[in-house]
Amino acid sequence: MQNIHTLTLGLYQVNCYIVHNEGSDRCVVIDPGYEPKKIAAFLGEKGLKLEAILLTHGHFDHVGAVKDLVDATGCRVFLRPEEHTMPQMLTAGKLYATDEYPAQFQIAGMTFTVLHTPGHTPGSVCLICEDTMFSGDTLFAGSCGRTDLPGGDWATIQTSLGKLRDLPGDHRVFPGHGESTTLAQERQCNPYLR
């Protein structure tokens, strides 16, 4: 079972998730948008070793702390290559050199399945680990990601949301902004998942 710690950071209130197996000191950080010193201090306080940064997409509010964390830890960074096609005004400059996501991989003793869910950005992903989904800015509680920025596309995100709706079973959903939810709840109440 994973332990999931949430740090809500910066002006845009991005949810940065620190995830590790119970009893393990190896962790990943998902979407470290801001405040690298705060993230590093939390890792130190919990005695956690950062093995990788997993990015759901490349917007500046989700990647701002990447370089400082990599410089401090030497960890790997995963992102889909399509994100490098976005204008640098949306990514706060050139995105940090990254590893490309495989469809499924193991890191810090956990297995992640990567769902390509474009629409908010061309390379947006949702990350599934056991019964938990980290949905980035594709799916929110009661809503979905915006598509009006360069690289966004409404018809594409509708297809991606349909892919999430049709997943078997239920998942706890941890989005890039706002409160956590469940896939069952979103299927029932989220107008964008109907």
N, C-alpha and C. Protein backbone atom coordinates (compact mmCIF):
# COMPACT_ATOMS: atom_id res chain seq x y z
N MET A 1 0.85 -1.20 0.00
CA MET A 1 0.00 0.00 0.00
C MET A 1 0.88 1.25 0.00
N GLN A 2 0.45 2.25 -0.80
CA GLN A 2 1.24 3.47 -0.87
C GLN A 2 0.80 4.47 0.18
N ASN A 3 1.79 5.24 0.63
CA ASN A 3 1.51 6.45 1.38
C ASN A 3 1.56 7.61 0.40
N ILE A 4 0.56 8.47 0.44
CA ILE A 4 0.48 9.62 -0.47
C ILE A 4 0.43 10.88 0.38
N HIS A 5 1.43 11.73 0.19
CA HIS A 5 1.48 13.01 0.89
C HIS A 5 1.22 14.10 -0.15
N THR A 6 0.37 15.07 0.20
CA THR A 6 0.03 16.15 -0.73
C THR A 6 0.57 17.47 -0.20
N LEU A 7 1.35 18.15 -1.05
CA LEU A 7 1.78 19.52 -0.78
C LEU A 7 1.10 20.40 -1.83
N THR A 8 0.31 21.37 -1.41
CA THR A 8 -0.35 22.28 -2.34
C THR A 8 0.49 23.54 -2.41
N LEU A 9 1.04 23.82 -3.61
CA LEU A 9 2.14 24.77 -3.72
C LEU A 9 1.85 25.89 -4.71
N GLY A 10 2.36 27.08 -4.40
CA GLY A 10 2.41 28.18 -5.35
C GLY A 10 1.10 28.89 -5.56
N LEU A 11 1.18 29.94 -6.36
CA LEU A 11 0.03 30.80 -6.64
C LEU A 11 -1.12 30.03 -7.27
N TYR A 12 -0.78 29.01 -8.08
CA TYR A 12 -1.82 28.24 -8.78
C TYR A 12 -2.29 27.03 -7.97
N GLN A 13 -1.81 26.90 -6.74
CA GLN A 13 -2.27 25.84 -5.84
C GLN A 13 -2.21 24.46 -6.49
N VAL A 14 -1.02 24.14 -6.99
CA VAL A 14 -0.80 22.84 -7.62
C VAL A 14 -0.63 21.77 -6.55
N ASN A 15 -1.27 20.63 -6.77
CA ASN A 15 -1.07 19.48 -5.88
C ASN A 15 0.19 18.74 -6.30
N CYS A 16 1.18 18.78 -5.44
CA CYS A 16 2.40 17.99 -5.61
C CYS A 16 2.27 16.78 -4.71
N TYR A 17 2.44 15.58 -5.29
CA TYR A 17 2.25 14.35 -4.53
C TYR A 17 3.59 13.65 -4.30
N ILE A 18 3.82 13.24 -3.08
CA ILE A 18 4.99 12.45 -2.72
C ILE A 18 4.47 11.07 -2.36
N VAL A 19 4.93 10.06 -3.10
CA VAL A 19 4.33 8.73 -3.02
C VAL A 19 5.41 7.70 -2.72
N HIS A 20 5.15 6.84 -1.74
CA HIS A 20 6.08 5.76 -1.42
C HIS A 20 5.32 4.60 -0.80
N ASN A 21 5.90 3.42 -0.91
CA ASN A 21 5.31 2.26 -0.24
C ASN A 21 5.45 2.40 1.26
N GLU A 22 4.46 1.92 1.97
CA GLU A 22 4.52 1.95 3.42
C GLU A 22 5.76 1.18 3.89
N GLY A 23 6.53 1.81 4.76
CA GLY A 23 7.74 1.17 5.28
C GLY A 23 8.97 1.34 4.41
N SER A 24 8.83 2.00 3.26
CA SER A 24 9.97 2.20 2.36
C SER A 24 10.42 3.66 2.41
N ASP A 25 11.72 3.89 2.24
CA ASP A 25 12.23 5.26 2.20
C ASP A 25 12.45 5.74 0.76
N ARG A 26 12.07 4.93 -0.24
CA ARG A 26 12.22 5.31 -1.65
C ARG A 26 10.90 5.90 -2.14
N CYS A 27 10.98 7.04 -2.82
CA CYS A 27 9.74 7.72 -3.20
C CYS A 27 9.84 8.31 -4.60
N VAL A 28 8.67 8.70 -5.12
CA VAL A 28 8.58 9.53 -6.32
C VAL A 28 7.84 10.80 -5.93
N VAL A 29 8.10 11.85 -6.70
CA VAL A 29 7.37 13.11 -6.57
C VAL A 29 6.64 13.34 -7.89
N ILE A 30 5.35 13.61 -7.79
CA ILE A 30 4.52 13.86 -8.97
C ILE A 30 4.19 15.35 -9.03
N ASP A 31 4.55 15.98 -10.13
CA ASP A 31 4.23 17.39 -10.42
C ASP A 31 4.73 18.37 -9.37
N PRO A 32 6.05 18.49 -9.22
CA PRO A 32 6.60 19.48 -8.28
C PRO A 32 6.61 20.87 -8.92
N GLY A 33 5.50 21.58 -8.79
CA GLY A 33 5.35 22.83 -9.53
C GLY A 33 6.12 24.00 -8.99
N TYR A 34 6.24 24.09 -7.70
CA TYR A 34 6.86 25.25 -7.07
C TYR A 34 7.58 24.80 -5.80
N GLU A 35 8.27 25.75 -5.19
CA GLU A 35 8.83 25.62 -3.83
C GLU A 35 9.70 24.38 -3.64
N PRO A 36 10.80 24.26 -4.41
CA PRO A 36 11.67 23.09 -4.25
C PRO A 36 12.23 22.94 -2.84
N LYS A 37 12.48 24.05 -2.16
CA LYS A 37 13.02 23.96 -0.79
C LYS A 37 12.00 23.34 0.15
N LYS A 38 10.74 23.66 -0.05
CA LYS A 38 9.68 23.07 0.79
C LYS A 38 9.55 21.57 0.53
N ILE A 39 9.63 21.18 -0.74
CA ILE A 39 9.56 19.76 -1.09
C ILE A 39 10.76 19.02 -0.52
N ALA A 40 11.96 19.58 -0.70
CA ALA A 40 13.17 18.94 -0.18
C ALA A 40 13.14 18.83 1.33
N ALA A 41 12.63 19.86 1.99
CA ALA A 41 12.53 19.83 3.46
C ALA A 41 11.58 18.73 3.91
N PHE A 42 10.47 18.56 3.19
CA PHE A 42 9.52 17.50 3.53
C PHE A 42 10.16 16.13 3.36
N LEU A 43 10.88 15.93 2.25
CA LEU A 43 11.56 14.66 2.04
C LEU A 43 12.55 14.38 3.16
N GLY A 44 13.31 15.40 3.55
CA GLY A 44 14.28 15.23 4.62
C GLY A 44 13.62 14.92 5.95
N GLU A 45 12.54 15.60 6.22
CA GLU A 45 11.81 15.39 7.48
C GLU A 45 11.28 13.96 7.58
N LYS A 46 10.83 13.41 6.45
CA LYS A 46 10.28 12.05 6.43
C LYS A 46 11.34 10.98 6.16
N GLY A 47 12.58 11.41 5.91
CA GLY A 47 13.66 10.45 5.62
C GLY A 47 13.47 9.73 4.30
N LEU A 48 12.95 10.43 3.29
CA LEU A 48 12.65 9.82 2.00
C LEU A 48 13.73 10.14 0.97
N LYS A 49 14.04 9.16 0.13
CA LYS A 49 15.01 9.32 -0.96
C LYS A 49 14.25 9.40 -2.28
N LEU A 50 14.47 10.49 -3.00
CA LEU A 50 13.74 10.72 -4.25
C LEU A 50 14.40 9.96 -5.39
N GLU A 51 13.64 9.02 -5.99
CA GLU A 51 14.16 8.24 -7.12
C GLU A 51 13.75 8.81 -8.46
N ALA A 52 12.57 9.44 -8.53
CA ALA A 52 12.11 9.96 -9.83
C ALA A 52 11.05 11.03 -9.62
N ILE A 53 11.02 11.94 -10.58
CA ILE A 53 9.93 12.91 -10.70
C ILE A 53 9.07 12.45 -11.87
N LEU A 54 7.77 12.32 -11.62
CA LEU A 54 6.82 11.90 -12.64
C LEU A 54 5.95 13.12 -12.96
N LEU A 55 5.97 13.55 -14.20
CA LEU A 55 5.22 14.74 -14.62
C LEU A 55 3.99 14.33 -15.42
N THR A 56 2.83 14.84 -15.02
CA THR A 56 1.62 14.55 -15.78
C THR A 56 1.55 15.37 -17.06
N HIS A 57 2.21 16.53 -17.06
CA HIS A 57 2.33 17.35 -18.27
C HIS A 57 3.36 18.44 -18.00
N GLY A 58 3.62 19.28 -19.01
CA GLY A 58 4.75 20.19 -18.92
C GLY A 58 4.44 21.64 -18.61
N HIS A 59 3.21 21.99 -18.24
CA HIS A 59 2.91 23.38 -17.92
C HIS A 59 3.76 23.88 -16.75
N PHE A 60 4.08 25.16 -16.80
CA PHE A 60 5.01 25.75 -15.84
C PHE A 60 4.61 25.53 -14.39
N ASP A 61 3.31 25.50 -14.12
CA ASP A 61 2.88 25.37 -12.73
C ASP A 61 3.02 23.94 -12.21
N HIS A 62 3.42 23.00 -13.07
CA HIS A 62 3.63 21.62 -12.65
C HIS A 62 5.11 21.20 -12.68
N VAL A 63 5.96 22.05 -13.25
CA VAL A 63 7.36 21.64 -13.45
C VAL A 63 8.38 22.57 -12.79
N GLY A 64 7.93 23.62 -12.14
CA GLY A 64 8.84 24.68 -11.70
C GLY A 64 9.95 24.27 -10.76
N ALA A 65 9.75 23.22 -9.98
CA ALA A 65 10.76 22.80 -9.00
C ALA A 65 11.64 21.67 -9.51
N VAL A 66 11.44 21.24 -10.77
CA VAL A 66 12.14 20.04 -11.27
C VAL A 66 13.65 20.21 -11.22
N LYS A 67 14.17 21.27 -11.80
CA LYS A 67 15.62 21.41 -11.94
C LYS A 67 16.31 21.41 -10.58
N ASP A 68 15.77 22.15 -9.64
CA ASP A 68 16.40 22.21 -8.31
C ASP A 68 16.39 20.85 -7.62
N LEU A 69 15.31 20.11 -7.77
CA LEU A 69 15.23 18.78 -7.14
C LEU A 69 16.20 17.81 -7.81
N VAL A 70 16.31 17.89 -9.13
CA VAL A 70 17.27 17.02 -9.83
C VAL A 70 18.69 17.37 -9.43
N ASP A 71 18.99 18.66 -9.36
CA ASP A 71 20.34 19.09 -8.95
C ASP A 71 20.68 18.58 -7.56
N ALA A 72 19.67 18.54 -6.68
CA ALA A 72 19.91 18.12 -5.29
C ALA A 72 19.99 16.61 -5.13
N THR A 73 19.30 15.86 -6.00
CA THR A 73 19.17 14.41 -5.76
C THR A 73 19.69 13.54 -6.90
N GLY A 74 19.81 14.09 -8.10
CA GLY A 74 20.20 13.27 -9.25
C GLY A 74 19.12 12.34 -9.73
N CYS A 75 17.87 12.60 -9.36
CA CYS A 75 16.77 11.69 -9.71
C CYS A 75 16.45 11.77 -11.20
N ARG A 76 15.71 10.78 -11.68
CA ARG A 76 15.23 10.75 -13.06
C ARG A 76 13.95 11.60 -13.17
N VAL A 77 13.63 12.01 -14.40
CA VAL A 77 12.43 12.79 -14.66
C VAL A 77 11.71 12.17 -15.86
N PHE A 78 10.42 11.86 -15.69
CA PHE A 78 9.63 11.24 -16.75
C PHE A 78 8.59 12.22 -17.28
N LEU A 79 8.49 12.28 -18.62
CA LEU A 79 7.54 13.15 -19.31
C LEU A 79 7.38 12.63 -20.72
N ARG A 80 6.19 12.76 -21.28
CA ARG A 80 6.01 12.36 -22.68
C ARG A 80 6.66 13.39 -23.61
N PRO A 81 7.22 12.93 -24.73
CA PRO A 81 7.97 13.84 -25.61
C PRO A 81 7.12 14.92 -26.27
N GLU A 82 5.81 14.68 -26.42
CA GLU A 82 4.95 15.69 -27.05
C GLU A 82 4.98 17.02 -26.30
N GLU A 83 5.29 16.97 -25.01
CA GLU A 83 5.28 18.20 -24.20
C GLU A 83 6.35 19.19 -24.64
N HIS A 84 7.40 18.67 -25.28
CA HIS A 84 8.47 19.56 -25.74
C HIS A 84 8.05 20.40 -26.94
N THR A 85 6.86 20.13 -27.51
CA THR A 85 6.39 20.90 -28.66
C THR A 85 5.62 22.15 -28.24
N MET A 86 5.33 22.31 -26.96
CA MET A 86 4.53 23.46 -26.51
C MET A 86 5.39 24.72 -26.47
N PRO A 87 4.76 25.90 -26.64
CA PRO A 87 5.51 27.15 -26.54
C PRO A 87 6.16 27.29 -25.16
N GLN A 88 7.37 27.84 -25.15
CA GLN A 88 8.11 27.94 -23.88
C GLN A 88 7.46 28.90 -22.89
N MET A 89 6.57 29.77 -23.36
CA MET A 89 5.85 30.63 -22.41
C MET A 89 4.94 29.80 -21.50
N LEU A 90 4.55 28.59 -21.96
CA LEU A 90 3.70 27.73 -21.14
C LEU A 90 4.50 26.76 -20.27
N THR A 91 5.79 26.61 -20.58
CA THR A 91 6.61 25.64 -19.86
C THR A 91 7.71 26.31 -19.04
N ALA A 92 7.67 27.66 -18.97
CA ALA A 92 8.68 28.44 -18.24
C ALA A 92 10.08 28.12 -18.76
N GLY A 93 10.22 28.14 -20.08
CA GLY A 93 11.52 27.85 -20.69
C GLY A 93 11.61 26.41 -21.14
N LYS A 94 12.80 26.04 -21.56
CA LYS A 94 13.02 24.68 -22.07
C LYS A 94 12.78 23.66 -20.96
N LEU A 95 11.97 22.64 -21.26
CA LEU A 95 11.70 21.60 -20.27
C LEU A 95 12.97 20.81 -19.98
N TYR A 96 13.10 20.41 -18.73
CA TYR A 96 14.28 19.67 -18.30
C TYR A 96 14.39 18.35 -19.06
N ALA A 97 15.62 17.96 -19.37
CA ALA A 97 15.85 16.67 -20.05
C ALA A 97 15.19 15.54 -19.27
N THR A 98 14.47 14.69 -19.97
CA THR A 98 13.64 13.70 -19.28
C THR A 98 13.76 12.32 -19.90
N ASP A 99 13.28 11.34 -19.13
CA ASP A 99 13.07 9.99 -19.64
C ASP A 99 11.67 9.93 -20.24
N GLU A 100 11.52 9.16 -21.31
CA GLU A 100 10.21 8.97 -21.90
C GLU A 100 9.47 7.87 -21.14
N TYR A 101 8.18 8.08 -20.93
CA TYR A 101 7.38 7.08 -20.23
C TYR A 101 7.23 5.80 -21.06
N PRO A 102 7.48 4.63 -20.47
CA PRO A 102 6.97 3.40 -21.07
C PRO A 102 5.49 3.23 -20.69
N ALA A 103 4.82 2.25 -21.25
CA ALA A 103 3.41 2.03 -20.92
C ALA A 103 3.23 1.61 -19.47
N GLN A 104 4.21 0.89 -18.95
CA GLN A 104 4.20 0.48 -17.54
C GLN A 104 5.64 0.38 -17.06
N PHE A 105 5.88 0.78 -15.83
CA PHE A 105 7.25 0.70 -15.33
C PHE A 105 7.24 0.62 -13.80
N GLN A 106 8.37 0.18 -13.27
CA GLN A 106 8.55 0.10 -11.82
C GLN A 106 9.56 1.14 -11.38
N ILE A 107 9.22 1.84 -10.31
CA ILE A 107 10.14 2.81 -9.73
C ILE A 107 9.84 2.89 -8.23
N ALA A 108 10.87 2.98 -7.43
CA ALA A 108 10.74 3.07 -5.97
C ALA A 108 9.89 1.93 -5.41
N GLY A 109 9.97 0.76 -6.05
CA GLY A 109 9.23 -0.41 -5.58
C GLY A 109 7.77 -0.42 -5.93
N MET A 110 7.32 0.53 -6.76
CA MET A 110 5.91 0.62 -7.15
C MET A 110 5.79 0.46 -8.65
N THR A 111 4.65 -0.07 -9.10
CA THR A 111 4.39 -0.24 -10.52
C THR A 111 3.38 0.81 -10.97
N PHE A 112 3.75 1.58 -11.98
CA PHE A 112 2.88 2.60 -12.54
C PHE A 112 2.48 2.23 -13.96
N THR A 113 1.19 2.37 -14.26
CA THR A 113 0.68 2.27 -15.62
C THR A 113 0.43 3.69 -16.11
N VAL A 114 0.87 3.96 -17.34
CA VAL A 114 0.80 5.31 -17.90
C VAL A 114 -0.28 5.34 -18.98
N LEU A 115 -1.30 6.17 -18.77
CA LEU A 115 -2.35 6.36 -19.78
C LEU A 115 -2.11 7.70 -20.46
N HIS A 116 -1.90 7.68 -21.77
CA HIS A 116 -1.78 8.93 -22.52
C HIS A 116 -3.17 9.53 -22.65
N THR A 117 -3.38 10.72 -22.06
CA THR A 117 -4.69 11.36 -22.06
C THR A 117 -4.56 12.79 -22.58
N PRO A 118 -4.26 12.94 -23.87
CA PRO A 118 -4.07 14.29 -24.41
C PRO A 118 -5.36 15.09 -24.42
N GLY A 119 -5.21 16.39 -24.61
CA GLY A 119 -6.35 17.29 -24.68
C GLY A 119 -6.06 18.57 -23.93
N HIS A 120 -5.67 18.45 -22.65
CA HIS A 120 -5.20 19.63 -21.91
C HIS A 120 -3.87 20.08 -22.50
N THR A 121 -2.99 19.12 -22.73
CA THR A 121 -1.75 19.31 -23.49
C THR A 121 -1.58 18.09 -24.38
N PRO A 122 -0.68 18.15 -25.38
CA PRO A 122 -0.53 17.01 -26.29
C PRO A 122 -0.01 15.75 -25.61
N GLY A 123 0.79 15.90 -24.56
CA GLY A 123 1.39 14.74 -23.92
C GLY A 123 0.91 14.49 -22.50
N SER A 124 -0.25 15.00 -22.16
CA SER A 124 -0.79 14.77 -20.81
C SER A 124 -0.94 13.27 -20.54
N VAL A 125 -0.67 12.87 -19.30
CA VAL A 125 -0.86 11.49 -18.90
C VAL A 125 -1.61 11.43 -17.58
N CYS A 126 -2.26 10.30 -17.34
CA CYS A 126 -2.74 9.91 -16.02
C CYS A 126 -1.90 8.71 -15.59
N LEU A 127 -1.51 8.70 -14.34
CA LEU A 127 -0.65 7.65 -13.80
C LEU A 127 -1.45 6.81 -12.83
N ILE A 128 -1.46 5.49 -13.04
CA ILE A 128 -2.21 4.58 -12.19
C ILE A 128 -1.25 3.68 -11.43
N CYS A 129 -1.42 3.64 -10.13
CA CYS A 129 -0.63 2.76 -9.26
C CYS A 129 -1.62 2.05 -8.34
N GLU A 130 -1.78 0.75 -8.57
CA GLU A 130 -2.78 -0.05 -7.85
C GLU A 130 -4.16 0.58 -8.01
N ASP A 131 -4.81 1.01 -6.92
CA ASP A 131 -6.17 1.55 -7.02
C ASP A 131 -6.19 3.07 -7.07
N THR A 132 -5.05 3.68 -7.37
CA THR A 132 -4.91 5.13 -7.30
C THR A 132 -4.56 5.70 -8.66
N MET A 133 -5.21 6.80 -9.02
CA MET A 133 -4.91 7.50 -10.27
C MET A 133 -4.50 8.94 -9.96
N PHE A 134 -3.38 9.34 -10.56
CA PHE A 134 -2.94 10.73 -10.50
C PHE A 134 -3.30 11.32 -11.86
N SER A 135 -4.32 12.20 -11.87
CA SER A 135 -4.95 12.59 -13.14
C SER A 135 -4.43 13.91 -13.70
N GLY A 136 -3.47 14.54 -13.05
CA GLY A 136 -2.94 15.80 -13.57
C GLY A 136 -4.04 16.80 -13.81
N ASP A 137 -4.00 17.47 -14.97
CA ASP A 137 -5.04 18.44 -15.30
C ASP A 137 -6.00 17.89 -16.36
N THR A 138 -6.08 16.56 -16.45
CA THR A 138 -7.07 15.96 -17.35
C THR A 138 -8.43 15.89 -16.67
N LEU A 139 -8.46 15.37 -15.44
CA LEU A 139 -9.73 15.17 -14.71
C LEU A 139 -9.62 15.80 -13.33
N PHE A 140 -10.60 16.62 -13.00
CA PHE A 140 -10.74 17.21 -11.67
C PHE A 140 -12.03 16.72 -11.03
N ALA A 141 -12.18 16.93 -9.73
CA ALA A 141 -13.45 16.65 -9.07
C ALA A 141 -14.52 17.58 -9.67
N GLY A 142 -15.45 17.01 -10.39
CA GLY A 142 -16.55 17.77 -10.96
C GLY A 142 -16.22 18.53 -12.23
N SER A 143 -15.02 18.39 -12.75
CA SER A 143 -14.64 19.19 -13.90
C SER A 143 -13.53 18.49 -14.69
N CYS A 144 -12.96 19.22 -15.64
CA CYS A 144 -11.84 18.70 -16.43
C CYS A 144 -10.92 19.85 -16.79
N GLY A 145 -9.78 19.52 -17.37
CA GLY A 145 -8.78 20.54 -17.69
C GLY A 145 -9.21 21.46 -18.82
N ARG A 146 -8.67 22.66 -18.80
CA ARG A 146 -8.96 23.63 -19.86
C ARG A 146 -8.26 23.22 -21.15
N THR A 147 -8.80 23.68 -22.27
CA THR A 147 -8.25 23.31 -23.57
C THR A 147 -8.00 24.53 -24.45
N ASP A 148 -8.07 25.73 -23.86
CA ASP A 148 -7.98 26.96 -24.66
C ASP A 148 -6.55 27.46 -24.83
N LEU A 149 -5.57 26.82 -24.21
CA LEU A 149 -4.18 27.22 -24.35
C LEU A 149 -3.55 26.49 -25.54
N PRO A 150 -2.46 27.02 -26.11
CA PRO A 150 -1.79 26.32 -27.22
C PRO A 150 -1.46 24.87 -26.84
N GLY A 151 -1.81 23.95 -27.73
CA GLY A 151 -1.60 22.53 -27.45
C GLY A 151 -2.83 21.84 -26.88
N GLY A 152 -3.81 22.62 -26.45
CA GLY A 152 -5.06 22.05 -25.93
C GLY A 152 -6.05 21.79 -27.05
N ASP A 153 -6.95 20.83 -26.84
CA ASP A 153 -7.95 20.51 -27.86
C ASP A 153 -9.16 19.87 -27.19
N TRP A 154 -10.32 20.49 -27.38
CA TRP A 154 -11.53 20.04 -26.69
C TRP A 154 -11.97 18.63 -27.13
N ALA A 155 -11.98 18.38 -28.42
CA ALA A 155 -12.41 17.07 -28.90
C ALA A 155 -11.47 15.98 -28.38
N THR A 156 -10.19 16.29 -28.30
CA THR A 156 -9.21 15.31 -27.83
C THR A 156 -9.38 15.00 -26.36
N ILE A 157 -9.62 16.04 -25.53
CA ILE A 157 -9.79 15.75 -24.10
C ILE A 157 -11.09 14.99 -23.86
N GLN A 158 -12.11 15.22 -24.68
CA GLN A 158 -13.34 14.43 -24.54
C GLN A 158 -13.06 12.94 -24.76
N THR A 159 -12.24 12.63 -25.76
CA THR A 159 -11.85 11.24 -26.00
C THR A 159 -11.08 10.68 -24.81
N SER A 160 -10.16 11.48 -24.26
CA SER A 160 -9.38 11.03 -23.11
C SER A 160 -10.25 10.80 -21.89
N LEU A 161 -11.22 11.68 -21.66
CA LEU A 161 -12.13 11.51 -20.53
C LEU A 161 -12.99 10.26 -20.71
N GLY A 162 -13.36 9.96 -21.94
CA GLY A 162 -14.10 8.73 -22.21
C GLY A 162 -13.27 7.50 -21.88
N LYS A 163 -11.98 7.58 -22.15
CA LYS A 163 -11.06 6.48 -21.82
C LYS A 163 -11.01 6.26 -20.30
N LEU A 164 -11.01 7.36 -19.54
CA LEU A 164 -11.00 7.23 -18.07
C LEU A 164 -12.34 6.69 -17.57
N ARG A 165 -13.43 7.19 -18.13
CA ARG A 165 -14.76 6.74 -17.72
C ARG A 165 -14.92 5.24 -17.90
N ASP A 166 -14.32 4.71 -18.98
CA ASP A 166 -14.53 3.31 -19.34
C ASP A 166 -13.53 2.36 -18.68
N LEU A 167 -12.64 2.89 -17.84
CA LEU A 167 -11.73 2.00 -17.12
C LEU A 167 -12.53 1.05 -16.23
N PRO A 168 -12.09 -0.19 -16.08
CA PRO A 168 -12.81 -1.10 -15.19
C PRO A 168 -12.63 -0.71 -13.72
N GLY A 169 -13.66 -0.94 -12.93
CA GLY A 169 -13.56 -0.76 -11.49
C GLY A 169 -13.51 0.70 -11.07
N ASP A 170 -13.04 0.92 -9.88
CA ASP A 170 -12.98 2.26 -9.30
C ASP A 170 -11.52 2.60 -9.00
N HIS A 171 -11.22 3.87 -8.91
CA HIS A 171 -9.90 4.35 -8.50
C HIS A 171 -10.07 5.57 -7.61
N ARG A 172 -9.20 5.71 -6.65
CA ARG A 172 -9.06 7.00 -5.98
C ARG A 172 -8.39 7.93 -6.99
N VAL A 173 -8.86 9.17 -7.09
CA VAL A 173 -8.34 10.10 -8.09
C VAL A 173 -7.73 11.30 -7.37
N PHE A 174 -6.45 11.53 -7.67
CA PHE A 174 -5.71 12.66 -7.11
C PHE A 174 -5.35 13.61 -8.26
N PRO A 175 -6.08 14.73 -8.40
CA PRO A 175 -5.88 15.63 -9.54
C PRO A 175 -4.78 16.66 -9.29
N GLY A 176 -4.45 17.38 -10.37
CA GLY A 176 -3.40 18.38 -10.30
C GLY A 176 -3.79 19.61 -9.49
N HIS A 177 -5.07 19.87 -9.35
CA HIS A 177 -5.57 20.99 -8.56
C HIS A 177 -6.86 20.53 -7.88
N GLY A 178 -7.13 21.08 -6.71
CA GLY A 178 -8.40 20.81 -6.03
C GLY A 178 -8.40 19.51 -5.24
N GLU A 179 -9.59 19.12 -4.84
CA GLU A 179 -9.77 17.99 -3.94
C GLU A 179 -9.66 16.66 -4.66
N SER A 180 -9.29 15.63 -3.89
CA SER A 180 -9.29 14.27 -4.43
C SER A 180 -10.73 13.78 -4.53
N THR A 181 -10.92 12.73 -5.31
CA THR A 181 -12.24 12.19 -5.56
C THR A 181 -12.09 10.71 -5.88
N THR A 182 -13.13 10.12 -6.43
CA THR A 182 -13.04 8.74 -6.93
C THR A 182 -13.60 8.71 -8.34
N LEU A 183 -13.16 7.72 -9.10
CA LEU A 183 -13.66 7.59 -10.46
C LEU A 183 -15.15 7.28 -10.46
N ALA A 184 -15.60 6.47 -9.49
CA ALA A 184 -17.03 6.16 -9.39
C ALA A 184 -17.85 7.43 -9.16
N GLN A 185 -17.36 8.29 -8.29
CA GLN A 185 -18.05 9.55 -8.03
C GLN A 185 -18.10 10.43 -9.28
N GLU A 186 -17.01 10.48 -10.01
CA GLU A 186 -16.96 11.31 -11.21
C GLU A 186 -17.85 10.75 -12.32
N ARG A 187 -17.89 9.44 -12.44
CA ARG A 187 -18.81 8.85 -13.44
C ARG A 187 -20.25 9.26 -13.16
N GLN A 188 -20.58 9.38 -11.87
CA GLN A 188 -21.96 9.68 -11.48
C GLN A 188 -22.27 11.16 -11.58
N CYS A 189 -21.31 12.02 -11.20
CA CYS A 189 -21.62 13.45 -11.00
C CYS A 189 -20.92 14.41 -11.95
N ASN A 190 -19.86 13.99 -12.59
CA ASN A 190 -19.07 14.91 -13.42
C ASN A 190 -19.69 14.99 -14.83
N PRO A 191 -20.20 16.16 -15.24
CA PRO A 191 -20.85 16.24 -16.55
C PRO A 191 -19.91 15.92 -17.71
N TYR A 192 -18.60 16.06 -17.50
CA TYR A 192 -17.65 15.82 -18.58
C TYR A 192 -17.32 14.34 -18.74
N LEU A 193 -17.80 13.51 -17.80
CA LEU A 193 -17.55 12.07 -17.88
C LEU A 193 -18.80 11.31 -18.32
N ARG A 194 -19.86 12.02 -18.64
CA ARG A 194 -21.10 11.34 -19.04
C ARG A 194 -21.12 11.08 -20.53
